[in-house]
């Protein structure tokens, strides 16, 4: 094998590993629910500043429910 072939196969191997890690994180359930729940958590934090805590906490609770319900 030449040095060029070894270098090319190493780059392909690294790209494959990075793609595998990204796909496993995408479909493991750690990102979709959190992204869907983020606006509710942010809105709850903002509303907590202006209104009583129960209102903001209930909005944040909706975000927690969304995060729990979405299975992926």
PDB file of N, CA and C in Angstrom:
ATOM      1  N   UNK A   1       0.838  -1.176   0.000  1.00  0.00           N
ATOM      2  CA  UNK A   1       0.000   0.000   0.000  1.00  0.00           C
ATOM      3  C   UNK A   1       0.879   1.234   0.000  1.00  0.00           C
ATOM      4  N   UNK A   2       0.440   2.192  -0.710  1.00  0.00           N
ATOM      5  CA  UNK A   2       1.185   3.445  -0.729  1.00  0.00           C
ATOM      6  C   UNK A   2       0.687   4.355   0.379  1.00  0.00           C
ATOM      7  N   UNK A   3       1.449   5.370   0.638  1.00  0.00           N
ATOM      8  CA  UNK A   3       1.087   6.324   1.686  1.00  0.00           C
ATOM      9  C   UNK A   3      -0.218   7.039   1.346  1.00  0.00           C
ATOM     10  N   UNK A   4      -0.442   7.304   0.073  1.00  0.00           N
ATOM     11  CA  UNK A   4      -1.663   7.987  -0.356  1.00  0.00           C
ATOM     12  C   UNK A   4      -2.897   7.117  -0.079  1.00  0.00           C
ATOM     13  N   UNK A   5      -2.792   5.826  -0.307  1.00  0.00           N
ATOM     14  CA  UNK A   5      -3.909   4.914  -0.070  1.00  0.00           C
ATOM     15  C   UNK A   5      -4.199   4.803   1.421  1.00  0.00           C
ATOM     16  N   UNK A   6      -3.168   4.733   2.237  1.00  0.00           N
ATOM     17  CA  UNK A   6      -3.350   4.639   3.681  1.00  0.00           C
ATOM     18  C   UNK A   6      -3.991   5.920   4.207  1.00  0.00           C
ATOM     19  N   UNK A   7      -3.544   7.057   3.721  1.00  0.00           N
ATOM     20  CA  UNK A   7      -4.092   8.331   4.153  1.00  0.00           C
ATOM     21  C   UNK A   7      -5.559   8.453   3.758  1.00  0.00           C
ATOM     22  N   UNK A   8      -5.916   8.036   2.559  1.00  0.00           N
ATOM     23  CA  UNK A   8      -7.298   8.097   2.101  1.00  0.00           C
ATOM     24  C   UNK A   8      -8.209   7.175   2.892  1.00  0.00           C
ATOM     25  N   UNK A   9      -7.733   5.983   3.213  1.00  0.00           N
ATOM     26  CA  UNK A   9      -8.556   5.054   3.976  1.00  0.00           C
ATOM     27  C   UNK A   9      -8.720   5.516   5.421  1.00  0.00           C
ATOM     28  N   UNK A  10      -7.716   6.171   5.963  1.00  0.00           N
ATOM     29  CA  UNK A  10      -7.819   6.699   7.319  1.00  0.00           C
ATOM     30  C   UNK A  10      -8.852   7.821   7.387  1.00  0.00           C
ATOM     31  N   UNK A  11      -8.857   8.695   6.398  1.00  0.00           N
ATOM     32  CA  UNK A  11      -9.833   9.784   6.364  1.00  0.00           C
ATOM     33  C   UNK A  11     -11.241   9.216   6.223  1.00  0.00           C
ATOM     34  N   UNK A  12     -11.411   8.193   5.393  1.00  0.00           N
ATOM     35  CA  UNK A  12     -12.718   7.560   5.242  1.00  0.00           C
ATOM     36  C   UNK A  12     -13.169   6.929   6.550  1.00  0.00           C
ATOM     37  N   UNK A  13     -12.242   6.290   7.256  1.00  0.00           N
ATOM     38  CA  UNK A  13     -12.557   5.661   8.538  1.00  0.00           C
ATOM     39  C   UNK A  13     -12.991   6.705   9.574  1.00  0.00           C
ATOM     40  N   UNK A  14     -12.303   7.829   9.632  1.00  0.00           N
ATOM     41  CA  UNK A  14     -12.643   8.891  10.574  1.00  0.00           C
ATOM     42  C   UNK A  14     -14.010   9.488  10.234  1.00  0.00           C
ATOM     43  N   UNK A  15     -14.280   9.703   8.953  1.00  0.00           N
ATOM     44  CA  UNK A  15     -15.586  10.221   8.537  1.00  0.00           C
ATOM     45  C   UNK A  15     -16.701   9.246   8.908  1.00  0.00           C
ATOM     46  N   UNK A  16     -16.444   7.960   8.755  1.00  0.00           N
ATOM     47  CA  UNK A  16     -17.436   6.949   9.104  1.00  0.00           C
ATOM     48  C   UNK A  16     -17.726   6.951  10.597  1.00  0.00           C
ATOM     49  N   UNK A  17     -16.699   7.091  11.418  1.00  0.00           N
ATOM     50  CA  UNK A  17     -16.882   7.133  12.862  1.00  0.00           C
ATOM     51  C   UNK A  17     -17.682   8.372  13.272  1.00  0.00           C
ATOM     52  N   UNK A  18     -17.342   9.521  12.711  1.00  0.00           N
ATOM     53  CA  UNK A  18     -18.058  10.753  13.038  1.00  0.00           C
ATOM     54  C   UNK A  18     -19.523  10.654  12.623  1.00  0.00           C
ATOM     55  N   UNK A  19     -19.788  10.111  11.450  1.00  0.00           N
ATOM     56  CA  UNK A  19     -21.160   9.934  10.988  1.00  0.00           C
ATOM     57  C   UNK A  19     -21.921   8.974  11.898  1.00  0.00           C
ATOM     58  N   UNK A  20     -21.285   7.910  12.322  1.00  0.00           N
ATOM     59  CA  UNK A  20     -21.933   6.947  13.223  1.00  0.00           C
ATOM     60  C   UNK A  20     -22.287   7.583  14.565  1.00  0.00           C
ATOM     61  N   UNK A  21     -21.386   8.376  15.103  1.00  0.00           N
ATOM     62  CA  UNK A  21     -21.650   9.042  16.374  1.00  0.00           C
ATOM     63  C   UNK A  21     -22.796  10.037  16.229  1.00  0.00           C
ATOM     64  N   UNK A  22     -22.793  10.810  15.155  1.00  0.00           N
ATOM     65  CA  UNK A  22     -23.868  11.789  14.940  1.00  0.00           C
ATOM     66  C   UNK A  22     -25.217  11.100  14.780  1.00  0.00           C
ATOM     67  N   UNK A  23     -25.264  10.019  14.032  1.00  0.00           N
ATOM     68  CA  UNK A  23     -26.529   9.312  13.852  1.00  0.00           C
ATOM     69  C   UNK A  23     -27.015   8.679  15.147  1.00  0.00           C
ATOM     70  N   UNK A  24     -26.106   8.142  15.932  1.00  0.00           N
ATOM     71  CA  UNK A  24     -26.532   7.536  17.194  1.00  0.00           C
ATOM     72  C   UNK A  24     -27.057   8.592  18.159  1.00  0.00           C
ATOM     73  N   UNK A  25     -26.463   9.782  18.181  1.00  0.00           N
ATOM     74  CA  UNK A  25     -26.977  10.856  19.030  1.00  0.00           C
ATOM     75  C   UNK A  25     -28.314  11.372  18.522  1.00  0.00           C
ATOM     76  N   UNK A  26     -28.470  11.420  17.215  1.00  0.00           N
ATOM     77  CA  UNK A  26     -29.713  11.931  16.636  1.00  0.00           C
ATOM     78  C   UNK A  26     -30.894  11.034  16.957  1.00  0.00           C
ATOM     79  N   UNK A  27     -30.702   9.730  16.872  1.00  0.00           N
ATOM     80  CA  UNK A  27     -31.807   8.804  17.059  1.00  0.00           C
ATOM     81  C   UNK A  27     -31.881   8.199  18.460  1.00  0.00           C
ATOM     82  N   UNK A  28     -31.017   8.635  19.377  1.00  0.00           N
ATOM     83  CA  UNK A  28     -31.037   8.052  20.717  1.00  0.00           C
ATOM     84  C   UNK A  28     -32.057   8.711  21.633  1.00  0.00           C
ATOM     85  N   UNK A  29     -32.639   9.791  21.214  1.00  0.00           N
ATOM     86  CA  UNK A  29     -33.652  10.446  22.015  1.00  0.00           C
ATOM     87  C   UNK A  29     -33.131  11.598  22.844  1.00  0.00           C
ATOM     88  N   UNK A  30     -31.913  11.973  22.632  1.00  0.00           N
ATOM     89  CA  UNK A  30     -31.379  13.020  23.483  1.00  0.00           C
ATOM     90  C   UNK A  30     -31.509  14.403  22.865  1.00  0.00           C
ATOM     91  N   UNK A  31     -32.025  14.512  21.652  1.00  0.00           N
ATOM     92  CA  UNK A  31     -32.026  15.838  21.045  1.00  0.00           C
ATOM     93  C   UNK A  31     -33.409  16.306  20.614  1.00  0.00           C
ATOM     94  N   UNK A  32     -34.242  15.444  20.095  1.00  0.00           N
ATOM     95  CA  UNK A  32     -35.510  15.885  19.513  1.00  0.00           C
ATOM     96  C   UNK A  32     -36.443  16.430  20.582  1.00  0.00           C
ATOM     97  N   UNK A  33     -36.603  15.717  21.666  1.00  0.00           N
ATOM     98  CA  UNK A  33     -37.475  16.180  22.741  1.00  0.00           C
ATOM     99  C   UNK A  33     -36.972  17.449  23.391  1.00  0.00           C
ATOM    100  N   UNK A  34     -35.664  17.557  23.545  1.00  0.00           N
ATOM    101  CA  UNK A  34     -35.090  18.748  24.158  1.00  0.00           C
ATOM    102  C   UNK A  34     -35.288  19.973  23.274  1.00  0.00           C
ATOM    103  N   UNK A  35     -35.159  19.800  21.969  1.00  0.00           N
ATOM    104  CA  UNK A  35     -35.368  20.924  21.055  1.00  0.00           C
ATOM    105  C   UNK A  35     -36.834  21.342  21.062  1.00  0.00           C
ATOM    106  N   UNK A  36     -37.745  20.379  21.105  1.00  0.00           N
ATOM    107  CA  UNK A  36     -39.166  20.704  21.126  1.00  0.00           C
ATOM    108  C   UNK A  36     -39.565  21.357  22.446  1.00  0.00           C
ATOM    109  N   UNK A  37     -38.897  21.011  23.531  1.00  0.00           N
ATOM    110  CA  UNK A  37     -39.245  21.545  24.842  1.00  0.00           C
ATOM    111  C   UNK A  37     -38.550  22.872  25.153  1.00  0.00           C
ATOM    112  N   UNK A  38     -37.508  23.211  24.428  1.00  0.00           N
ATOM    113  CA  UNK A  38     -36.725  24.413  24.729  1.00  0.00           C
ATOM    114  C   UNK A  38     -37.543  25.700  24.718  1.00  0.00           C
ATOM    115  N   UNK A  39     -38.420  25.921  23.726  1.00  0.00           N
ATOM    116  CA  UNK A  39     -39.196  27.173  23.766  1.00  0.00           C
ATOM    117  C   UNK A  39     -40.096  27.288  25.006  1.00  0.00           C
ATOM    118  N   UNK A  40     -40.636  26.165  25.465  1.00  0.00           N
ATOM    119  CA  UNK A  40     -41.490  26.198  26.647  1.00  0.00           C
ATOM    120  C   UNK A  40     -40.680  26.513  27.909  1.00  0.00           C
ATOM    121  N   UNK A  41     -39.482  25.945  28.000  1.00  0.00           N
ATOM    122  CA  UNK A  41     -38.627  26.232  29.155  1.00  0.00           C
ATOM    123  C   UNK A  41     -38.203  27.698  29.159  1.00  0.00           C
ATOM    124  N   UNK A  42     -37.860  28.223  27.978  1.00  0.00           N
ATOM    125  CA  UNK A  42     -37.443  29.624  27.887  1.00  0.00           C
ATOM    126  C   UNK A  42     -38.604  30.557  28.217  1.00  0.00           C
ATOM    127  N   UNK A  43     -39.766  30.267  27.663  1.00  0.00           N
ATOM    128  CA  UNK A  43     -40.932  31.111  27.943  1.00  0.00           C
ATOM    129  C   UNK A  43     -41.305  31.043  29.420  1.00  0.00           C
ATOM    130  N   UNK A  44     -41.207  29.869  30.009  1.00  0.00           N
ATOM    131  CA  UNK A  44     -41.500  29.733  31.444  1.00  0.00           C
ATOM    132  C   UNK A  44     -40.554  30.546  32.296  1.00  0.00           C
ATOM    133  N   UNK A  45     -39.285  30.582  31.916  1.00  0.00           N
ATOM    134  CA  UNK A  45     -38.307  31.370  32.678  1.00  0.00           C
ATOM    135  C   UNK A  45     -38.598  32.861  32.561  1.00  0.00           C
ATOM    136  N   UNK A  46     -38.994  33.318  31.382  1.00  0.00           N
ATOM    137  CA  UNK A  46     -39.304  34.737  31.184  1.00  0.00           C
ATOM    138  C   UNK A  46     -40.577  35.103  31.938  1.00  0.00           C
ATOM    139  N   UNK A  47     -41.582  34.258  31.863  1.00  0.00           N
ATOM    140  CA  UNK A  47     -42.848  34.541  32.541  1.00  0.00           C
ATOM    141  C   UNK A  47     -42.659  34.526  34.057  1.00  0.00           C
ATOM    142  N   UNK A  48     -41.754  33.718  34.559  1.00  0.00           N
ATOM    143  CA  UNK A  48     -41.476  33.685  36.005  1.00  0.00           C
ATOM    144  C   UNK A  48     -41.012  35.036  36.533  1.00  0.00           C
ATOM    145  N   UNK A  49     -40.368  35.818  35.698  1.00  0.00           N
ATOM    146  CA  UNK A  49     -39.869  37.128  36.130  1.00  0.00           C
ATOM    147  C   UNK A  49     -41.026  38.108  36.346  1.00  0.00           C
ATOM    148  N   UNK A  50     -42.034  38.033  35.470  1.00  0.00           N
ATOM    149  CA  UNK A  50     -43.101  39.025  35.478  1.00  0.00           C
ATOM    150  C   UNK A  50     -44.294  38.606  36.338  1.00  0.00           C
ATOM    151  N   UNK A  51     -44.630  37.351  36.331  1.00  0.00           N
ATOM    152  CA  UNK A  51     -45.843  36.878  37.001  1.00  0.00           C
ATOM    153  C   UNK A  51     -45.479  35.990  38.192  1.00  0.00           C
ATOM    154  N   UNK A  52     -46.471  35.547  38.939  1.00  0.00           N
ATOM    155  CA  UNK A  52     -46.188  34.602  40.038  1.00  0.00           C
ATOM    156  C   UNK A  52     -45.552  33.310  39.514  1.00  0.00           C
ATOM    157  N   UNK A  53     -44.829  32.660  40.387  1.00  0.00           N
ATOM    158  CA  UNK A  53     -44.064  31.472  39.992  1.00  0.00           C
ATOM    159  C   UNK A  53     -44.923  30.353  39.438  1.00  0.00           C
ATOM    160  N   UNK A  54     -46.133  30.219  39.902  1.00  0.00           N
ATOM    161  CA  UNK A  54     -46.963  29.089  39.464  1.00  0.00           C
ATOM    162  C   UNK A  54     -47.252  29.160  37.965  1.00  0.00           C
ATOM    163  N   UNK A  55     -47.379  30.354  37.422  1.00  0.00           N
ATOM    164  CA  UNK A  55     -47.675  30.501  35.988  1.00  0.00           C
ATOM    165  C   UNK A  55     -46.466  30.064  35.159  1.00  0.00           C
ATOM    166  N   UNK A  56     -45.301  30.591  35.492  1.00  0.00           N
ATOM    167  CA  UNK A  56     -44.091  30.224  34.747  1.00  0.00           C
ATOM    168  C   UNK A  56     -43.728  28.762  34.917  1.00  0.00           C
ATOM    169  N   UNK A  57     -43.938  28.252  36.120  1.00  0.00           N
ATOM    170  CA  UNK A  57     -43.633  26.837  36.364  1.00  0.00           C
ATOM    171  C   UNK A  57     -44.563  25.922  35.576  1.00  0.00           C
ATOM    172  N   UNK A  58     -45.810  26.350  35.400  1.00  0.00           N
ATOM    173  CA  UNK A  58     -46.722  25.510  34.614  1.00  0.00           C
ATOM    174  C   UNK A  58     -46.334  25.517  33.144  1.00  0.00           C
ATOM    175  N   UNK A  59     -45.843  26.642  32.636  1.00  0.00           N
ATOM    176  CA  UNK A  59     -45.377  26.680  31.245  1.00  0.00           C
ATOM    177  C   UNK A  59     -44.139  25.806  31.098  1.00  0.00           C
ATOM    178  N   UNK A  60     -43.210  25.884  32.042  1.00  0.00           N
ATOM    179  CA  UNK A  60     -42.027  25.014  31.999  1.00  0.00           C
ATOM    180  C   UNK A  60     -42.419  23.547  32.137  1.00  0.00           C
ATOM    181  N   UNK A  61     -43.481  23.294  32.897  1.00  0.00           N
ATOM    182  CA  UNK A  61     -43.970  21.920  33.037  1.00  0.00           C
ATOM    183  C   UNK A  61     -44.456  21.348  31.722  1.00  0.00           C
ATOM    184  N   UNK A  62     -45.049  22.201  30.898  1.00  0.00           N
ATOM    185  CA  UNK A  62     -45.465  21.748  29.557  1.00  0.00           C
ATOM    186  C   UNK A  62     -44.238  21.307  28.767  1.00  0.00           C
ATOM    187  N   UNK A  63     -43.150  22.063  28.882  1.00  0.00           N
ATOM    188  CA  UNK A  63     -41.919  21.674  28.193  1.00  0.00           C
ATOM    189  C   UNK A  63     -41.385  20.348  28.696  1.00  0.00           C
ATOM    190  N   UNK A  64     -41.477  20.114  29.976  1.00  0.00           N
ATOM    191  CA  UNK A  64     -41.022  18.828  30.528  1.00  0.00           C
ATOM    192  C   UNK A  64     -41.885  17.678  30.039  1.00  0.00           C
ATOM    193  N   UNK A  65     -43.196  17.920  29.937  1.00  0.00           N
ATOM    194  CA  UNK A  65     -44.087  16.880  29.419  1.00  0.00           C
ATOM    195  C   UNK A  65     -43.778  16.585  27.963  1.00  0.00           C
ATOM    196  N   UNK A  66     -43.537  17.630  27.175  1.00  0.00           N
ATOM    197  CA  UNK A  66     -43.186  17.435  25.760  1.00  0.00           C
ATOM    198  C   UNK A  66     -41.904  16.632  25.646  1.00  0.00           C
ATOM    199  N   UNK A  67     -40.921  16.952  26.472  1.00  0.00           N
ATOM    200  CA  UNK A  67     -39.653  16.219  26.449  1.00  0.00           C
ATOM    201  C   UNK A  67     -39.851  14.756  26.817  1.00  0.00           C
ATOM    202  N   UNK A  68     -40.749  14.483  27.739  1.00  0.00           N
ATOM    203  CA  UNK A  68     -41.005  13.113  28.167  1.00  0.00           C
ATOM    204  C   UNK A  68     -41.816  12.323  27.141  1.00  0.00           C
ATOM    205  N   UNK A  69     -42.787  12.991  26.530  1.00  0.00           N
ATOM    206  CA  UNK A  69     -43.713  12.290  25.623  1.00  0.00           C
ATOM    207  C   UNK A  69     -43.055  11.937  24.297  1.00  0.00           C
ATOM    208  N   UNK A  70     -42.203  12.815  23.787  1.00  0.00           N
ATOM    209  CA  UNK A  70     -41.565  12.528  22.488  1.00  0.00           C
ATOM    210  C   UNK A  70     -40.542  11.424  22.696  1.00  0.00           C
ATOM    211  N   UNK A  71     -40.733  10.296  22.042  1.00  0.00           N
ATOM    212  CA  UNK A  71     -39.884   9.123  22.331  1.00  0.00           C
ATOM    213  C   UNK A  71     -38.515   9.143  21.647  1.00  0.00           C
ATOM    214  N   UNK A  72     -38.268  10.070  20.777  1.00  0.00           N
ATOM    215  CA  UNK A  72     -36.972  10.078  20.081  1.00  0.00           C
ATOM    216  C   UNK A  72     -36.389  11.457  20.041  1.00  0.00           C
TER     217      UNK A  72
END
